[in-house]
Protein backbone atom coordinates (compact mmCIF):
# COMPACT_ATOMS: atom_id res chain seq x y z
CA MET A 1 11.44 14.72 4.84
CA LEU A 2 10.30 12.59 7.75
CA ILE A 3 7.66 10.98 5.57
CA VAL A 4 10.26 10.11 2.91
CA LYS A 5 12.63 8.63 5.50
CA SER A 6 9.76 6.62 6.94
CA LYS A 7 8.97 5.21 3.49
CA TYR A 8 12.58 4.15 3.03
CA ARG A 9 12.57 2.38 6.39
CA ILE A 10 9.35 0.57 5.47
CA ALA A 11 10.71 -0.34 2.04
CA LYS A 12 13.87 -1.78 3.59
CA ARG A 13 11.64 -4.18 5.51
CA LEU A 14 9.03 -4.93 2.85
CA GLY A 15 10.87 -4.44 -0.45
CA ALA A 16 11.36 -1.61 -2.94
CA ALA A 17 8.16 -2.31 -4.88
CA VAL A 18 5.87 -0.96 -2.15
CA PHE A 19 6.71 2.68 -2.99
CA ASP A 20 7.53 4.38 -6.29
CA GLN A 21 10.24 6.49 -4.63
CA THR A 22 12.25 3.41 -3.65
CA GLN A 23 12.30 1.77 -7.09
CA THR A 24 15.85 2.85 -7.93
CA GLN A 25 18.99 0.88 -8.72
CA LYS A 26 20.79 2.22 -5.66
CA PHE A 27 18.00 1.16 -3.34
CA ALA A 28 17.72 -2.24 -5.05
CA LEU A 29 21.40 -3.00 -4.40
CA ARG A 30 21.11 -2.02 -0.75
CA GLU A 31 17.93 -4.06 -0.41
CA ALA A 32 19.56 -7.15 -1.97
CA ASN A 33 22.33 -7.06 0.64
CA SER A 34 19.84 -6.55 3.47
CA THR A 35 17.69 -9.43 2.21
CA LYS A 36 20.67 -11.80 2.28
CA ARG A 37 21.36 -10.85 5.88
CA ARG A 38 17.71 -11.34 6.88
CA GLN A 39 17.54 -14.73 5.15
CA SER A 40 20.68 -15.90 6.90
CA ARG A 41 19.01 -15.19 10.26
CA GLY A 42 15.84 -17.06 9.26
CA ALA A 43 12.27 -16.12 10.08
CA SER A 44 9.28 -17.66 11.79
CA ASP A 45 6.13 -18.58 9.86
CA TYR A 46 4.30 -15.74 11.56
CA GLY A 47 7.06 -13.28 10.66
CA ARG A 48 6.99 -14.41 7.03
CA GLN A 49 3.19 -14.11 6.86
CA LEU A 50 3.18 -10.70 8.54
CA LEU A 51 5.84 -9.41 6.16
CA GLU A 52 3.90 -10.48 3.06
CA LYS A 53 0.66 -9.06 4.43
CA GLN A 54 2.35 -5.74 5.10
CA ARG A 55 3.92 -5.80 1.66
CA ALA A 56 0.49 -6.14 0.04
CA ARG A 57 -1.02 -3.50 2.30
CA PHE A 58 1.63 -0.86 1.63
CA THR A 59 1.83 -1.64 -2.10
CA TYR A 60 -1.83 -0.74 -2.55
CA GLY A 61 -1.98 1.86 0.23
CA LEU A 62 -4.69 0.07 2.22
CA SER A 63 -5.64 0.08 5.87
CA GLU A 64 -5.47 -3.18 7.82
CA LYS A 65 -9.27 -3.33 7.85
CA GLN A 66 -9.50 -2.86 4.08
CA LEU A 67 -6.97 -5.57 3.22
CA SER A 68 -8.54 -7.97 5.71
CA LYS A 69 -11.94 -7.44 4.09
CA TYR A 70 -10.57 -8.05 0.60
CA ALA A 71 -8.67 -11.18 1.72
CA LYS A 72 -11.64 -12.73 3.50
CA ALA A 73 -13.92 -12.15 0.51
CA ALA A 74 -11.38 -13.65 -1.91
CA TYR A 75 -10.55 -16.64 0.29
CA VAL A 76 -13.97 -18.27 -0.24
CA THR A 77 -13.74 -18.11 -4.06
CA GLU A 78 -12.48 -20.90 -6.33
CA GLU A 79 -9.24 -19.04 -7.10
CA PRO A 80 -8.41 -16.94 -4.01
CA SER A 81 -5.13 -15.46 -5.26
CA LYS A 82 -6.65 -14.46 -8.59
CA SER A 83 -9.72 -12.98 -6.87
CA LEU A 84 -7.66 -10.96 -4.40
CA HIS A 85 -5.33 -9.69 -7.10
CA GLN A 86 -8.22 -8.56 -9.27
CA ALA A 87 -10.00 -6.90 -6.34
CA LEU A 88 -6.89 -4.86 -5.54
CA GLU A 89 -5.92 -4.06 -9.13
CA MET A 90 -9.41 -3.05 -10.20
CA ARG A 91 -9.84 -0.40 -7.53
CA ALA A 92 -10.46 2.96 -9.20
CA ASP A 93 -7.37 4.55 -7.66
CA ASN A 94 -5.14 1.72 -8.86
CA ALA A 95 -6.64 1.79 -12.36
CA VAL A 96 -5.99 5.55 -12.54
CA TYR A 97 -2.37 4.94 -11.50
CA ARG A 98 -1.85 1.92 -13.77
CA GLY A 99 -3.33 3.81 -16.69
CA GLY A 100 -0.79 6.62 -16.35
CA LEU A 101 -3.22 9.30 -15.16
CA ALA A 102 -1.33 9.72 -11.86
CA SER A 103 2.33 9.35 -10.92
CA THR A 104 1.72 7.25 -7.78
CA ARG A 105 -1.13 5.31 -6.19
CA ARG A 106 -1.21 7.86 -3.39
CA ALA A 107 -1.64 10.70 -5.90
CA ALA A 108 -4.32 8.69 -7.71
CA ARG A 109 -6.19 8.07 -4.46
CA GLN A 110 -6.17 11.78 -3.59
CA ALA A 111 -7.27 12.80 -7.09
CA VAL A 112 -10.16 10.31 -7.07
CA SER A 113 -11.19 11.45 -3.58
CA HIS A 114 -11.23 15.06 -4.77
CA GLY A 115 -13.54 14.19 -7.66
CA HIS A 116 -11.06 14.66 -10.51
CA PHE A 117 -12.28 11.58 -12.37
CA THR A 118 -15.40 10.18 -13.99
CA ILE A 119 -16.28 6.60 -14.83
CA ASN A 120 -18.56 6.33 -17.86
CA GLY A 121 -19.26 10.04 -17.50
CA LYS A 122 -20.25 9.90 -13.84
CA ARG A 123 -18.07 11.66 -11.27
CA ILE A 124 -16.63 9.41 -8.56
CA THR A 125 -15.03 10.22 -5.21
CA THR A 126 -14.50 6.68 -3.87
CA PRO A 127 -10.97 5.30 -4.45
CA SER A 128 -12.13 1.74 -3.70
CA PHE A 129 -14.80 1.82 -6.45
CA ARG A 130 -14.34 -1.36 -8.48
CA VAL A 131 -14.00 -0.83 -12.20
CA LYS A 132 -15.05 -3.49 -14.69
CA LYS A 133 -14.44 -4.39 -18.31
CA GLY A 134 -15.90 -1.72 -20.59
CA ASP A 135 -15.58 1.13 -18.09
CA VAL A 136 -14.00 4.36 -19.30
CA ILE A 137 -12.09 6.41 -16.74
CA ALA A 138 -11.51 10.05 -17.66
CA VAL A 139 -10.29 13.27 -16.09
CA ARG A 140 -13.36 15.39 -15.32
CA ASP A 141 -13.78 18.49 -17.48
CA GLY A 142 -13.44 20.80 -14.49
CA ALA A 143 -10.05 19.27 -13.58
CA ARG A 144 -8.48 19.16 -17.06
CA LYS A 145 -6.79 22.55 -16.67
CA SER A 146 -4.95 21.41 -13.55
CA PRO A 147 -1.13 21.25 -13.85
CA LEU A 148 -1.45 17.63 -12.68
CA TYR A 149 -2.64 16.61 -16.13
CA ALA A 150 -0.55 18.87 -18.35
CA GLY A 151 1.66 16.92 -20.74
CA LEU A 152 0.81 13.52 -19.24
CA ALA A 153 1.49 11.66 -22.48
CA GLU A 154 5.01 13.12 -22.74
CA LYS A 155 5.75 12.51 -19.06
CA ASN A 156 4.67 8.87 -19.32
CA GLN A 157 6.91 8.33 -22.36
CA GLU A 158 9.87 9.80 -20.50
CA GLY A 159 9.24 7.60 -17.49
CA SER A 160 8.52 4.59 -19.75
CA ARG A 161 5.98 3.20 -17.27
CA ALA A 162 4.25 0.29 -18.99
CA ILE A 163 0.46 0.30 -19.20
CA PRO A 164 -0.89 -3.18 -18.33
CA SER A 165 -2.62 -5.17 -21.06
CA TRP A 166 -6.03 -4.99 -19.36
CA LEU A 167 -6.10 -1.21 -19.82
CA SER A 168 -6.09 0.94 -22.95
CA ALA A 169 -4.85 4.47 -22.31
CA ASP A 170 -5.19 7.61 -24.41
CA LEU A 171 -3.28 10.11 -22.31
CA ALA A 172 -3.68 12.86 -24.92
CA LEU A 173 -7.43 12.66 -24.27
CA LEU A 174 -6.89 11.97 -20.54
CA LYS A 175 -8.85 8.75 -20.52
CA VAL A 176 -8.32 5.05 -19.87
CA GLU A 177 -10.58 2.17 -20.89
CA VAL A 178 -10.79 -1.11 -19.00
CA THR A 179 -10.48 -3.68 -21.79
CA GLY A 180 -9.99 -6.84 -19.72
CA GLU A 181 -9.13 -8.17 -16.28
CA PRO A 182 -5.72 -8.35 -14.58
CA GLN A 183 -4.30 -11.86 -14.37
CA TYR A 184 -2.39 -13.14 -11.36
CA SER A 185 0.95 -14.88 -11.71
CA PRO A 186 4.02 -15.25 -9.45
CA GLU A 187 5.64 -12.44 -11.47
CA VAL A 188 3.24 -10.02 -9.77
CA GLY A 189 5.67 -10.01 -6.85
CA LEU A 190 3.15 -10.65 -4.07
CA ASP A 191 2.53 -14.07 -2.55
CA TYR A 192 -1.17 -13.91 -1.77
CA SER A 193 -1.25 -17.46 -0.41
CA THR A 194 0.99 -16.26 2.42
CA VAL A 195 -1.39 -13.34 3.03
CA PHE A 196 -4.25 -15.85 3.36
CA GLU A 197 -2.15 -17.86 5.83
CA PHE A 198 -1.81 -14.77 7.99
CA TYR A 199 -5.55 -14.11 8.09
CA SER A 200 -6.46 -17.76 8.64
CA ARG A 201 -4.50 -18.04 11.89
């Protein structure tokens, strides 16, 4: 219970999108009112940068050190925002979550860490492993009998969670293929340029 309450407090500050549990209509209405009050009080540049950095960090479940490393590597590329977005989206744990093989990123990270998945037939235990176009992610044979993966196709239909266009999922066979690369746009909901501002101070 304390963990759930903590997530709601964090989501009030960073936005509902950072946790699956807070993506409800009731929370969205409360958040909209809180956002109006925060905007009326104004915020410093540092506060704005810190907020966006924290939003990115909690969305993907990263440590400060991990996000800093990703941001610094992306910043020196020709398209920093695109590079950072792809680096975060193409983590193995995120691909497992996006492909519908786990209900949350946290669950995906734990499952990958416990060796429940293979990439191109090879077992992985590193959530940060970067997938690439052509990779096939699948539930390992030894984990297929787990209740975690029973009726995944039906559950995903009920929850109507959209599979992104850069992934092709066959949940009946418990596998996801990486068919492209995620593209960054403002609709993503994270302002990576502000994250770069924070780290360039």
